[in-house]
C-alpha atoms as a PDB file:
ATOM      1  CA  MET A   1     133.379-133.568  37.917  1.00  0.00           C
ATOM      2  CA  THR A   2     133.951-130.180  36.350  1.00  0.00           C
ATOM      3  CA  GLU A   3     132.800-128.068  39.481  1.00  0.00           C
ATOM      4  CA  LYS A   4     135.790-129.798  41.369  1.00  0.00           C
ATOM      5  CA  ILE A   5     138.066-128.623  38.417  1.00  0.00           C
ATOM      6  CA  ALA A   6     136.512-125.262  38.985  1.00  0.00           C
ATOM      7  CA  LYS A   7     137.393-125.113  42.449  1.00  0.00           C
ATOM      8  CA  VAL A   8     141.149-126.356  41.860  1.00  0.00           C
ATOM      9  CA  ALA A   9     141.549-124.027  39.057  1.00  0.00           C
ATOM     10  CA  ALA A  10     140.196-120.898  41.211  1.00  0.00           C
ATOM     11  CA  GLY A  11     143.178-121.207  43.241  1.00  0.00           C
ATOM     12  CA  ARG A  12     145.585-121.204  40.432  1.00  0.00           C
ATOM     13  CA  THR A  13     147.112-117.955  38.430  1.00  0.00           C
ATOM     14  CA  ASP A  14     147.328-119.769  35.107  1.00  0.00           C
ATOM     15  CA  HIS A  15     144.372-119.726  32.920  1.00  0.00           C
ATOM     16  CA  PRO A  16     141.837-122.887  32.203  1.00  0.00           C
ATOM     17  CA  PHE A  17     141.245-124.145  28.689  1.00  0.00           C
ATOM     18  CA  LYS A  18     137.936-123.113  27.553  1.00  0.00           C
ATOM     19  CA  VAL A  19     135.924-123.234  24.168  1.00  0.00           C
ATOM     20  CA  SER A  20     136.314-119.991  22.050  1.00  0.00           C
ATOM     21  CA  SER A  21     134.336-120.655  19.200  1.00  0.00           C
ATOM     22  CA  ILE A  22     132.542-123.142  17.066  1.00  0.00           C
ATOM     23  CA  THR A  23     131.425-122.067  13.465  1.00  0.00           C
ATOM     24  CA  ARG A  24     130.585-123.801  10.355  1.00  0.00           C
ATOM     25  CA  ALA A  25     133.559-124.877   8.062  1.00  0.00           C
ATOM     26  CA  GLU A  26     133.883-126.327   4.522  1.00  0.00           C
ATOM     27  CA  ALA A  27     134.552-130.086   4.365  1.00  0.00           C
ATOM     28  CA  PRO A  28     137.975-130.790   3.393  1.00  0.00           C
ATOM     29  CA  GLU A  29     138.634-132.274  -0.248  1.00  0.00           C
ATOM     30  CA  GLY A  30     137.629-135.976  -0.473  1.00  0.00           C
ATOM     31  CA  ALA A  31     135.207-135.563   2.494  1.00  0.00           C
ATOM     32  CA  VAL A  32     132.001-137.929   2.691  1.00  0.00           C
ATOM     33  CA  SER A  33     130.205-135.734   4.905  1.00  0.00           C
ATOM     34  CA  ALA A  34     129.465-131.785   3.929  1.00  0.00           C
ATOM     35  CA  THR A  35     128.702-131.047   7.930  1.00  0.00           C
ATOM     36  CA  TRP A  36     131.901-129.904   9.049  1.00  0.00           C
ATOM     37  CA  TYR A  37     132.749-127.274  12.020  1.00  0.00           C
ATOM     38  CA  ARG A  38     135.891-125.526  13.339  1.00  0.00           C
ATOM     39  CA  TYR A  39     136.160-125.163  16.718  1.00  0.00           C
ATOM     40  CA  GLU A  40     138.981-123.022  18.762  1.00  0.00           C
ATOM     41  CA  ILE A  41     140.047-123.983  22.438  1.00  0.00           C
ATOM     42  CA  ALA A  42     141.644-121.142  24.539  1.00  0.00           C
ATOM     43  CA  GLN A  43     144.041-120.704  27.381  1.00  0.00           C
ATOM     44  CA  GLY A  44     144.826-117.103  27.668  1.00  0.00           C
ATOM     45  CA  PRO A  45     146.682-115.974  24.978  1.00  0.00           C
ATOM     46  CA  ASN A  46     147.573-119.502  23.130  1.00  0.00           C
ATOM     47  CA  ALA A  47     145.119-121.224  21.003  1.00  0.00           C
ATOM     48  CA  ILE A  48     143.784-124.699  19.553  1.00  0.00           C
ATOM     49  CA  VAL A  49     141.821-124.558  16.270  1.00  0.00           C
ATOM     50  CA  GLY A  50     140.784-128.151  15.075  1.00  0.00           C
ATOM     51  CA  HIS A  51     138.242-129.078  12.503  1.00  0.00           C
ATOM     52  CA  ARG A  52     135.554-132.076  13.012  1.00  0.00           C
ATOM     53  CA  GLU A  53     132.867-134.004  11.221  1.00  0.00           C
ATOM     54  CA  GLY A  54     129.310-133.880  12.823  1.00  0.00           C
ATOM     55  CA  SER A  55     126.383-132.407  13.738  1.00  0.00           C
ATOM     56  CA  LEU A  56     126.666-129.050  15.805  1.00  0.00           C
ATOM     57  CA  GLN A  57     125.439-130.928  18.933  1.00  0.00           C
ATOM     58  CA  ALA A  58     128.188-133.779  18.649  1.00  0.00           C
ATOM     59  CA  VAL A  59     130.535-131.317  17.598  1.00  0.00           C
ATOM     60  CA  THR A  60     129.702-129.137  20.807  1.00  0.00           C
ATOM     61  CA  GLN A  61     129.868-131.978  22.895  1.00  0.00           C
ATOM     62  CA  ALA A  62     133.124-133.721  21.506  1.00  0.00           C
ATOM     63  CA  VAL A  63     134.676-129.970  21.979  1.00  0.00           C
ATOM     64  CA  ALA A  64     133.572-129.771  25.527  1.00  0.00           C
ATOM     65  CA  ASP A  65     134.992-133.055  26.434  1.00  0.00           C
ATOM     66  CA  ILE A  66     138.339-132.490  24.971  1.00  0.00           C
ATOM     67  CA  VAL A  67     138.317-129.069  27.164  1.00  0.00           C
ATOM     68  CA  ILE A  68     137.317-131.134  30.408  1.00  0.00           C
ATOM     69  CA  ARG A  69     140.618-133.519  29.530  1.00  0.00           C
ATOM     70  CA  LEU A  70     142.773-130.916  28.644  1.00  0.00           C
ATOM     71  CA  ASN A  71     141.829-129.001  31.975  1.00  0.00           C
ATOM     72  CA  GLU A  72     142.078-132.445  33.984  1.00  0.00           C
ATOM     73  CA  ARG A  73     145.707-132.950  32.390  1.00  0.00           C
ATOM     74  CA  ARG A  74     146.639-129.462  33.602  1.00  0.00           C
ATOM     75  CA  LEU A  75     145.642-129.667  37.171  1.00  0.00           C
ATOM     76  CA  GLY A  76     147.152-133.401  37.823  1.00  0.00           C
ATOM     77  CA  LYS A  77     144.837-136.700  38.434  1.00  0.00           C
ATOM     78  CA  ALA A  78     143.295-136.051  41.805  1.00  0.00           C
ATOM     79  CA  GLY A  79     144.112-139.190  44.197  1.00  0.00           C
ATOM     80  CA  ARG A  80     146.687-140.550  42.183  1.00  0.00           C
ATOM     81  CA  VAL A  81     149.520-142.760  44.550  1.00  0.00           C
ATOM     82  CA  GLN A  82     153.143-142.259  43.838  1.00  0.00           C
ATOM     83  CA  LEU A  83     154.314-145.654  43.727  1.00  0.00           C
ATOM     84  CA  THR A  84     157.732-146.104  45.123  1.00  0.00           C
ATOM     85  CA  PRO A  85     159.947-149.296  44.260  1.00  0.00           C
ATOM     86  CA  GLY A  86     160.760-151.694  47.536  1.00  0.00           C
ATOM     87  CA  PRO A  87     163.547-153.736  47.953  1.00  0.00           C
ATOM     88  CA  LYS A  88     164.012-156.644  45.413  1.00  0.00           C
ATOM     89  CA  LYS A  89     162.845-160.130  46.297  1.00  0.00           C
ATOM     90  CA  ASN A  90     165.302-163.141  45.364  1.00  0.00           C
ATOM     91  CA  ARG A  91     163.743-165.730  43.340  1.00  0.00           C
ATOM     92  CA  ALA A  92     164.781-169.262  43.776  1.00  0.00           C
ATOM     93  CA  SER A  93     164.972-171.208  40.585  1.00  0.00           C
END
């Protein structure tokens, strides 16, 4: 799936989303877990910054999934059929 996105994105002039960084962060006040990470997702000059709880491996996978979904949304859904409404049917009661 990622290869398909890369091929479609190669022909576009705009920038795809990508993970810029994932770094250890302080836990928010009142958090049960002390293992938090700050991540940054870039798209050209734009950035999305977030925080997520979990192991580095789990956070890395979750952020990678977010990037995949963002790029899929950016490119549109492949194979989607455009439905057009047909004539209304008369229903006999």
